[in-house]
Amino acid sequence: MKVSIITATYNSAATIERCLCSVAKQTAISQIEHIIVDGRSSDQTLTLVSTFPHIAKVVSEADNGVYDAFNKGLAAATGEIIYYLSSDDHLCDSDVIYDILTEFER
């Protein structure tokens, strides 16, 4: 089972690193498809994103706000479980996705 984590960004350089680190540290990283949908940031957001090898897809184009970006991510997702993680949020520990997958696989 795969979890698609969709992160919408726009000029998120100040917060995106913590978000990306929290996903990269997941014990179930092999079961995660992390999709970044960026609204054409003009800061260092995409440069930071490019340093994380776990990211499966990056979409960078103008959008009509966060919900439009989330919908673009949903269209690109291939996971059975969809999780929306904002660029200024983070996963609380390294087993969150593992725990979710365990519950779904019961």
C-alpha atoms as a PDB file:
ATOM      1  CA  MET A   1       0.000   0.000   0.000  1.00  0.00           C
ATOM      2  CA  LYS A   2       1.267   3.468  -0.856  1.00  0.00           C
ATOM      3  CA  VAL A   3       0.609   6.863   0.752  1.00  0.00           C
ATOM      4  CA  SER A   4       0.664   9.917  -1.489  1.00  0.00           C
ATOM      5  CA  ILE A   5       1.641  12.974   0.532  1.00  0.00           C
ATOM      6  CA  ILE A   6       0.725  16.174  -1.274  1.00  0.00           C
ATOM      7  CA  THR A   7       2.429  19.385  -0.208  1.00  0.00           C
ATOM      8  CA  ALA A   8       1.335  22.718  -1.682  1.00  0.00           C
ATOM      9  CA  THR A   9       3.948  25.455  -1.618  1.00  0.00           C
ATOM     10  CA  TYR A  10       4.337  29.093  -2.519  1.00  0.00           C
ATOM     11  CA  ASN A  11       7.348  31.059  -1.332  1.00  0.00           C
ATOM     12  CA  SER A  12       7.774  28.566   1.495  1.00  0.00           C
ATOM     13  CA  ALA A  13      11.572  28.662   1.856  1.00  0.00           C
ATOM     14  CA  ALA A  14      11.292  29.641   5.522  1.00  0.00           C
ATOM     15  CA  THR A  15       9.231  26.561   6.465  1.00  0.00           C
ATOM     16  CA  ILE A  16       9.533  23.870   3.786  1.00  0.00           C
ATOM     17  CA  GLU A  17      12.745  22.262   5.063  1.00  0.00           C
ATOM     18  CA  ARG A  18      11.173  21.121   8.342  1.00  0.00           C
ATOM     19  CA  CYS A  19       8.219  19.720   6.415  1.00  0.00           C
ATOM     20  CA  LEU A  20      10.425  17.813   3.960  1.00  0.00           C
ATOM     21  CA  CYS A  21      12.716  16.485   6.696  1.00  0.00           C
ATOM     22  CA  SER A  22       9.735  15.109   8.593  1.00  0.00           C
ATOM     23  CA  VAL A  23       8.695  13.101   5.527  1.00  0.00           C
ATOM     24  CA  ALA A  24      12.238  12.016   4.614  1.00  0.00           C
ATOM     25  CA  LYS A  25      12.710  10.577   8.133  1.00  0.00           C
ATOM     26  CA  GLN A  26       9.662   8.309   7.942  1.00  0.00           C
ATOM     27  CA  THR A  27      10.369   4.637   8.659  1.00  0.00           C
ATOM     28  CA  ALA A  28       7.915   3.755   5.878  1.00  0.00           C
ATOM     29  CA  ILE A  29       9.613   6.029   3.318  1.00  0.00           C
ATOM     30  CA  SER A  30       9.570   3.275   0.670  1.00  0.00           C
ATOM     31  CA  GLN A  31       5.763   3.390   0.778  1.00  0.00           C
ATOM     32  CA  ILE A  32       5.520   7.160   0.376  1.00  0.00           C
ATOM     33  CA  GLU A  33       5.014   9.130  -2.807  1.00  0.00           C
ATOM     34  CA  HIS A  34       5.728  12.756  -1.893  1.00  0.00           C
ATOM     35  CA  ILE A  35       4.319  15.246  -4.410  1.00  0.00           C
ATOM     36  CA  ILE A  36       5.190  18.935  -4.262  1.00  0.00           C
ATOM     37  CA  VAL A  37       2.879  21.387  -6.030  1.00  0.00           C
ATOM     38  CA  ASP A  38       4.466  24.817  -6.163  1.00  0.00           C
ATOM     39  CA  GLY A  39       2.700  27.975  -7.330  1.00  0.00           C
ATOM     40  CA  ARG A  40       5.800  29.385  -9.058  1.00  0.00           C
ATOM     41  CA  SER A  41       7.688  30.484  -5.970  1.00  0.00           C
ATOM     42  CA  SER A  42      10.130  33.359  -6.382  1.00  0.00           C
ATOM     43  CA  ASP A  43      12.201  32.489  -3.296  1.00  0.00           C
ATOM     44  CA  GLN A  44      14.442  29.452  -2.636  1.00  0.00           C
ATOM     45  CA  THR A  45      11.568  26.972  -2.177  1.00  0.00           C
ATOM     46  CA  LEU A  46      12.319  24.899  -5.276  1.00  0.00           C
ATOM     47  CA  THR A  47      16.048  24.915  -4.572  1.00  0.00           C
ATOM     48  CA  LEU A  48      15.378  23.415  -1.134  1.00  0.00           C
ATOM     49  CA  VAL A  49      12.917  20.906  -2.586  1.00  0.00           C
ATOM     50  CA  SER A  50      15.527  19.722  -5.107  1.00  0.00           C
ATOM     51  CA  THR A  51      17.868  18.639  -2.279  1.00  0.00           C
ATOM     52  CA  PHE A  52      15.471  15.940  -1.023  1.00  0.00           C
ATOM     53  CA  PRO A  53      15.781  12.718  -3.040  1.00  0.00           C
ATOM     54  CA  HIS A  54      12.633  11.140  -1.594  1.00  0.00           C
ATOM     55  CA  ILE A  55      10.360  13.523  -3.526  1.00  0.00           C
ATOM     56  CA  ALA A  56       8.586  11.658  -6.307  1.00  0.00           C
ATOM     57  CA  LYS A  57       7.102  14.548  -8.307  1.00  0.00           C
ATOM     58  CA  VAL A  58       7.308  18.321  -8.472  1.00  0.00           C
ATOM     59  CA  VAL A  59       4.711  20.410 -10.265  1.00  0.00           C
ATOM     60  CA  SER A  60       5.612  24.083 -10.540  1.00  0.00           C
ATOM     61  CA  GLU A  61       3.087  26.280 -12.288  1.00  0.00           C
ATOM     62  CA  ALA A  62       0.733  29.115 -11.558  1.00  0.00           C
ATOM     63  CA  ASP A  63      -2.382  28.076  -9.682  1.00  0.00           C
ATOM     64  CA  ASN A  64      -5.492  29.559  -8.140  1.00  0.00           C
ATOM     65  CA  GLY A  65      -4.544  29.018  -4.517  1.00  0.00           C
ATOM     66  CA  VAL A  66      -3.863  26.196  -2.110  1.00  0.00           C
ATOM     67  CA  TYR A  67      -6.966  24.152  -2.926  1.00  0.00           C
ATOM     68  CA  ASP A  68      -6.214  24.301  -6.645  1.00  0.00           C
ATOM     69  CA  ALA A  69      -2.679  23.119  -5.833  1.00  0.00           C
ATOM     70  CA  PHE A  70      -4.019  20.278  -3.677  1.00  0.00           C
ATOM     71  CA  ASN A  71      -6.309  19.208  -6.524  1.00  0.00           C
ATOM     72  CA  LYS A  72      -3.358  19.198  -8.948  1.00  0.00           C
ATOM     73  CA  GLY A  73      -1.497  16.994  -6.496  1.00  0.00           C
ATOM     74  CA  LEU A  74      -4.463  14.673  -6.200  1.00  0.00           C
ATOM     75  CA  ALA A  75      -4.569  14.330  -9.996  1.00  0.00           C
ATOM     76  CA  ALA A  76      -0.875  13.334  -9.992  1.00  0.00           C
ATOM     77  CA  ALA A  77      -1.141  10.941  -7.024  1.00  0.00           C
ATOM     78  CA  THR A  78      -0.993   7.169  -7.426  1.00  0.00           C
ATOM     79  CA  GLY A  79      -1.266   6.114  -3.773  1.00  0.00           C
ATOM     80  CA  GLU A  80      -4.171   4.309  -2.194  1.00  0.00           C
ATOM     81  CA  ILE A  81      -4.072   6.750   0.730  1.00  0.00           C
ATOM     82  CA  ILE A  82      -3.917  10.533   0.230  1.00  0.00           C
ATOM     83  CA  TYR A  83      -2.466  12.843   2.875  1.00  0.00           C
ATOM     84  CA  TYR A  84      -2.314  16.630   2.585  1.00  0.00           C
ATOM     85  CA  LEU A  85       0.674  18.148   4.382  1.00  0.00           C
ATOM     86  CA  SER A  86       1.016  21.922   4.168  1.00  0.00           C
ATOM     87  CA  SER A  87       4.488  23.345   3.619  1.00  0.00           C
ATOM     88  CA  ASP A  88       4.536  24.943   7.048  1.00  0.00           C
ATOM     89  CA  ASP A  89       3.455  21.743   8.823  1.00  0.00           C
ATOM     90  CA  HIS A  90       5.406  18.604   9.670  1.00  0.00           C
ATOM     91  CA  LEU A  91       4.817  15.007  10.709  1.00  0.00           C
ATOM     92  CA  CYS A  92       5.158  14.663  14.485  1.00  0.00           C
ATOM     93  CA  ASP A  93       7.426  11.607  14.535  1.00  0.00           C
ATOM     94  CA  SER A  94       9.163   9.172  12.214  1.00  0.00           C
ATOM     95  CA  ASP A  95       6.543   6.414  12.568  1.00  0.00           C
ATOM     96  CA  VAL A  96       3.380   8.352  11.687  1.00  0.00           C
ATOM     97  CA  ILE A  97       2.997   6.939   8.183  1.00  0.00           C
ATOM     98  CA  TYR A  98       3.967   3.444   9.344  1.00  0.00           C
ATOM     99  CA  ASP A  99       1.257   3.630  12.004  1.00  0.00           C
ATOM    100  CA  ILE A 100      -1.325   4.801   9.465  1.00  0.00           C
ATOM    101  CA  LEU A 101      -0.406   2.001   7.062  1.00  0.00           C
ATOM    102  CA  THR A 102      -0.629  -0.553   9.868  1.00  0.00           C
ATOM    103  CA  GLU A 103      -4.186   0.534  10.652  1.00  0.00           C
ATOM    104  CA  PHE A 104      -5.253   0.441   7.001  1.00  0.00           C
ATOM    105  CA  GLU A 105      -3.747  -3.025   6.506  1.00  0.00           C
ATOM    106  CA  ARG A 106      -5.733  -4.605   9.372  1.00  0.00           C
END
